[in-house]
Amino acid sequence: MKELVEYIAKSIVTAPEAVRVSEENTANNIILKLEVAPEDRGRVIGKQGRVAQAMRTLLRVAAVREGTRVQLEIL
């Protein structure tokens, strides 16, 4: 799932080398933290949060297949 977030974020931003995704595992919950360059933060969030919400939806679908839960935090 980390690779999925990284791929989507690098496709959207203007500075793909600044994209960093870190992963924290708990009991059955995964927290993915996405860091991008400050000027690309708006692109990743999107108008009214639509891009971020779409990324979270895709992650939820992937998580259900693996039988876990996932959260995406944009830093």
C-alpha atoms as a PDB file:
ATOM      1  CA  MET A   1       0.000   0.000   0.000  1.00  0.00           C
ATOM      2  CA  LYS A   2       2.936   2.266   0.639  1.00  0.00           C
ATOM      3  CA  GLU A   3       3.950   1.864  -3.003  1.00  0.00           C
ATOM      4  CA  LEU A   4       0.445   2.767  -4.168  1.00  0.00           C
ATOM      5  CA  VAL A   5       0.460   6.062  -2.259  1.00  0.00           C
ATOM      6  CA  GLU A   6       3.967   6.846  -3.464  1.00  0.00           C
ATOM      7  CA  TYR A   7       3.036   6.158  -7.104  1.00  0.00           C
ATOM      8  CA  ILE A   8      -0.093   8.321  -6.983  1.00  0.00           C
ATOM      9  CA  ALA A   9       1.649  11.191  -5.203  1.00  0.00           C
ATOM     10  CA  LYS A  10       4.627  11.201  -7.576  1.00  0.00           C
ATOM     11  CA  SER A  11       2.232  11.302 -10.526  1.00  0.00           C
ATOM     12  CA  ILE A  12       0.489  14.414  -9.181  1.00  0.00           C
ATOM     13  CA  VAL A  13       3.270  16.614  -7.811  1.00  0.00           C
ATOM     14  CA  THR A  14       5.803  18.795  -9.641  1.00  0.00           C
ATOM     15  CA  ALA A  15       8.709  17.687  -7.407  1.00  0.00           C
ATOM     16  CA  PRO A  16       8.463  13.870  -7.261  1.00  0.00           C
ATOM     17  CA  GLU A  17      11.865  13.563  -5.586  1.00  0.00           C
ATOM     18  CA  ALA A  18      10.430  15.256  -2.469  1.00  0.00           C
ATOM     19  CA  VAL A  19       7.711  12.616  -1.958  1.00  0.00           C
ATOM     20  CA  ARG A  20       8.248  10.520   1.181  1.00  0.00           C
ATOM     21  CA  VAL A  21       5.913   7.859   2.543  1.00  0.00           C
ATOM     22  CA  SER A  22       6.466   6.329   5.964  1.00  0.00           C
ATOM     23  CA  GLU A  23       4.500   3.438   7.413  1.00  0.00           C
ATOM     24  CA  GLU A  24       3.558   2.666  11.010  1.00  0.00           C
ATOM     25  CA  ASN A  25       2.052  -0.700  11.884  1.00  0.00           C
ATOM     26  CA  THR A  26      -0.155  -1.313  14.911  1.00  0.00           C
ATOM     27  CA  ALA A  27      -2.275  -4.361  15.811  1.00  0.00           C
ATOM     28  CA  ASN A  28      -4.372  -4.473  12.615  1.00  0.00           C
ATOM     29  CA  ASN A  29      -4.077  -0.846  11.575  1.00  0.00           C
ATOM     30  CA  ILE A  30      -1.586   0.752   9.187  1.00  0.00           C
ATOM     31  CA  ILE A  31      -0.891   4.488   9.252  1.00  0.00           C
ATOM     32  CA  LEU A  32       0.716   5.903   6.124  1.00  0.00           C
ATOM     33  CA  LYS A  33       2.281   9.352   6.433  1.00  0.00           C
ATOM     34  CA  LEU A  34       2.763  11.249   3.177  1.00  0.00           C
ATOM     35  CA  GLU A  35       5.214  14.143   2.981  1.00  0.00           C
ATOM     36  CA  VAL A  36       5.523  16.343  -0.105  1.00  0.00           C
ATOM     37  CA  ALA A  37       7.165  19.645  -0.923  1.00  0.00           C
ATOM     38  CA  PRO A  38       5.273  22.639   0.540  1.00  0.00           C
ATOM     39  CA  GLU A  39       4.326  23.960  -2.900  1.00  0.00           C
ATOM     40  CA  ASP A  40       2.801  20.569  -3.843  1.00  0.00           C
ATOM     41  CA  ARG A  41       0.665  20.142  -0.737  1.00  0.00           C
ATOM     42  CA  GLY A  42      -2.329  21.772  -2.452  1.00  0.00           C
ATOM     43  CA  ARG A  43      -2.055  19.443  -5.430  1.00  0.00           C
ATOM     44  CA  VAL A  44      -2.099  16.352  -3.203  1.00  0.00           C
ATOM     45  CA  ILE A  45      -5.060  17.584  -1.157  1.00  0.00           C
ATOM     46  CA  GLY A  46      -7.011  18.905  -4.146  1.00  0.00           C
ATOM     47  CA  LYS A  47     -10.016  21.188  -4.249  1.00  0.00           C
ATOM     48  CA  GLN A  48     -12.129  20.619  -1.150  1.00  0.00           C
ATOM     49  CA  GLY A  49      -9.959  17.580  -0.373  1.00  0.00           C
ATOM     50  CA  ARG A  50     -11.167  15.534  -3.320  1.00  0.00           C
ATOM     51  CA  VAL A  51      -7.780  14.131  -4.356  1.00  0.00           C
ATOM     52  CA  ALA A  52      -6.905  13.162  -0.777  1.00  0.00           C
ATOM     53  CA  GLN A  53     -10.320  11.553  -0.339  1.00  0.00           C
ATOM     54  CA  ALA A  54      -9.893   9.573  -3.569  1.00  0.00           C
ATOM     55  CA  MET A  55      -6.491   8.322  -2.379  1.00  0.00           C
ATOM     56  CA  ARG A  56      -8.022   7.267   0.945  1.00  0.00           C
ATOM     57  CA  THR A  57     -10.815   5.422  -0.879  1.00  0.00           C
ATOM     58  CA  LEU A  58      -8.310   3.489  -3.001  1.00  0.00           C
ATOM     59  CA  LEU A  59      -6.329   2.624   0.117  1.00  0.00           C
ATOM     60  CA  ARG A  60      -9.447   1.401   1.887  1.00  0.00           C
ATOM     61  CA  VAL A  61     -10.208  -0.950  -1.018  1.00  0.00           C
ATOM     62  CA  ALA A  62      -6.654  -2.310  -0.997  1.00  0.00           C
ATOM     63  CA  ALA A  63      -6.788  -2.730   2.795  1.00  0.00           C
ATOM     64  CA  VAL A  64     -10.019  -4.724   2.674  1.00  0.00           C
ATOM     65  CA  ARG A  65      -8.347  -7.176   0.302  1.00  0.00           C
ATOM     66  CA  GLU A  66      -5.561  -7.684   2.843  1.00  0.00           C
ATOM     67  CA  GLY A  67      -7.920  -7.811   5.816  1.00  0.00           C
ATOM     68  CA  THR A  68      -6.534  -4.745   7.577  1.00  0.00           C
ATOM     69  CA  ARG A  69      -7.367  -1.079   8.121  1.00  0.00           C
ATOM     70  CA  VAL A  70      -5.405   1.859   6.782  1.00  0.00           C
ATOM     71  CA  GLN A  71      -5.202   5.603   7.436  1.00  0.00           C
ATOM     72  CA  LEU A  72      -3.524   8.252   5.292  1.00  0.00           C
ATOM     73  CA  GLU A  73      -2.071  11.348   6.897  1.00  0.00           C
ATOM     74  CA  ILE A  74      -0.748  14.184   4.751  1.00  0.00           C
ATOM     75  CA  LEU A  75       1.967  16.077   6.604  1.00  0.00           C
END
